[in-house]
Amino acid sequence: MMKKVTRNTSNADLESIQEGDQIKDDTGKAGEVENIEILNRHKEKQFYYKLKNDGTILVIK
């Protein structure tokens, strides 16, 4: 199942995404998650989802 990730997606939902999941963002970029990096910067949280088809989806909360 394709999961949609946006700025409005809850932190719990973003943290539940795992490698191998299919995700897409609101710009239409989509693919299978190959690697996940979550960074805490100041007051924001940055979710980097590296895709197998050579791309990255970034969600900043």
C-alpha atoms as a PDB file:
ATOM      1  CA  MET A   1       0.000   0.000   0.000  1.00  0.00           C
ATOM      2  CA  MET A   2       1.293   3.443  -0.919  1.00  0.00           C
ATOM      3  CA  LYS A   3       1.590   5.770   2.085  1.00  0.00           C
ATOM      4  CA  LYS A   4       1.278   9.515   1.497  1.00  0.00           C
ATOM      5  CA  VAL A   5       3.738  11.681   3.442  1.00  0.00           C
ATOM      6  CA  THR A   6       3.242  15.428   3.794  1.00  0.00           C
ATOM      7  CA  ARG A   7       3.957  18.165   6.295  1.00  0.00           C
ATOM      8  CA  ASN A   8       0.515  17.385   7.787  1.00  0.00           C
ATOM      9  CA  THR A   9       1.289  13.708   8.391  1.00  0.00           C
ATOM     10  CA  SER A  10       1.613  13.020  12.132  1.00  0.00           C
ATOM     11  CA  ASN A  11       5.047  12.398  13.653  1.00  0.00           C
ATOM     12  CA  ALA A  12       3.885   8.947  14.772  1.00  0.00           C
ATOM     13  CA  ASP A  13       2.921   8.033  11.194  1.00  0.00           C
ATOM     14  CA  LEU A  14       6.213   9.391   9.801  1.00  0.00           C
ATOM     15  CA  GLU A  15       8.208   7.439  12.409  1.00  0.00           C
ATOM     16  CA  SER A  16       6.278   4.230  11.628  1.00  0.00           C
ATOM     17  CA  ILE A  17       7.488   4.188   7.997  1.00  0.00           C
ATOM     18  CA  GLN A  18      10.073   1.455   7.483  1.00  0.00           C
ATOM     19  CA  GLU A  19      12.515   0.413   4.786  1.00  0.00           C
ATOM     20  CA  GLY A  20      10.649  -1.381   2.019  1.00  0.00           C
ATOM     21  CA  ASP A  21       7.468   0.721   2.408  1.00  0.00           C
ATOM     22  CA  GLN A  22       6.029   2.477  -0.653  1.00  0.00           C
ATOM     23  CA  ILE A  23       5.595   6.211  -0.067  1.00  0.00           C
ATOM     24  CA  LYS A  24       4.729   9.312  -2.085  1.00  0.00           C
ATOM     25  CA  ASP A  25       4.665  13.033  -1.374  1.00  0.00           C
ATOM     26  CA  ASP A  26       2.328  15.769  -2.542  1.00  0.00           C
ATOM     27  CA  THR A  27       4.595  16.675  -5.479  1.00  0.00           C
ATOM     28  CA  GLY A  28       4.097  13.218  -6.993  1.00  0.00           C
ATOM     29  CA  LYS A  29       7.537  11.839  -6.104  1.00  0.00           C
ATOM     30  CA  ALA A  30       7.125   8.196  -5.079  1.00  0.00           C
ATOM     31  CA  GLY A  31       9.063   5.002  -4.542  1.00  0.00           C
ATOM     32  CA  GLU A  32      10.237   2.298  -2.195  1.00  0.00           C
ATOM     33  CA  VAL A  33      12.064   3.454   0.944  1.00  0.00           C
ATOM     34  CA  GLU A  34      15.673   2.251   0.952  1.00  0.00           C
ATOM     35  CA  ASN A  35      17.061   4.243   3.894  1.00  0.00           C
ATOM     36  CA  ILE A  36      15.639   6.540   6.584  1.00  0.00           C
ATOM     37  CA  GLU A  37      17.340   9.350   8.466  1.00  0.00           C
ATOM     38  CA  ILE A  38      15.559  11.431  11.109  1.00  0.00           C
ATOM     39  CA  LEU A  39      17.286  14.592  12.327  1.00  0.00           C
ATOM     40  CA  ASN A  40      16.299  16.900  15.165  1.00  0.00           C
ATOM     41  CA  ARG A  41      17.328  20.447  14.248  1.00  0.00           C
ATOM     42  CA  HIS A  42      16.457  23.190  16.731  1.00  0.00           C
ATOM     43  CA  LYS A  43      12.667  23.082  17.062  1.00  0.00           C
ATOM     44  CA  GLU A  44      12.019  21.035  13.926  1.00  0.00           C
ATOM     45  CA  LYS A  45      12.279  17.389  12.988  1.00  0.00           C
ATOM     46  CA  GLN A  46      13.506  16.415   9.503  1.00  0.00           C
ATOM     47  CA  PHE A  47      12.526  13.067   7.996  1.00  0.00           C
ATOM     48  CA  TYR A  48      14.700  11.999   5.027  1.00  0.00           C
ATOM     49  CA  TYR A  49      13.405   8.997   3.093  1.00  0.00           C
ATOM     50  CA  LYS A  50      15.957   7.770   0.520  1.00  0.00           C
ATOM     51  CA  LEU A  51      14.175   6.010  -2.322  1.00  0.00           C
ATOM     52  CA  LYS A  52      15.449   3.023  -4.301  1.00  0.00           C
ATOM     53  CA  ASN A  53      14.729   4.768  -7.605  1.00  0.00           C
ATOM     54  CA  ASP A  54      17.320   7.446  -6.815  1.00  0.00           C
ATOM     55  CA  GLY A  55      15.503  10.198  -5.019  1.00  0.00           C
ATOM     56  CA  THR A  56      14.795  11.517  -1.555  1.00  0.00           C
ATOM     57  CA  ILE A  57      11.578  12.671   0.055  1.00  0.00           C
ATOM     58  CA  LEU A  58      12.107  15.213   2.824  1.00  0.00           C
ATOM     59  CA  VAL A  59       9.399  16.101   5.347  1.00  0.00           C
ATOM     60  CA  ILE A  60      10.103  18.902   7.834  1.00  0.00           C
ATOM     61  CA  LYS A  61       7.860  19.113  10.895  1.00  0.00           C
END
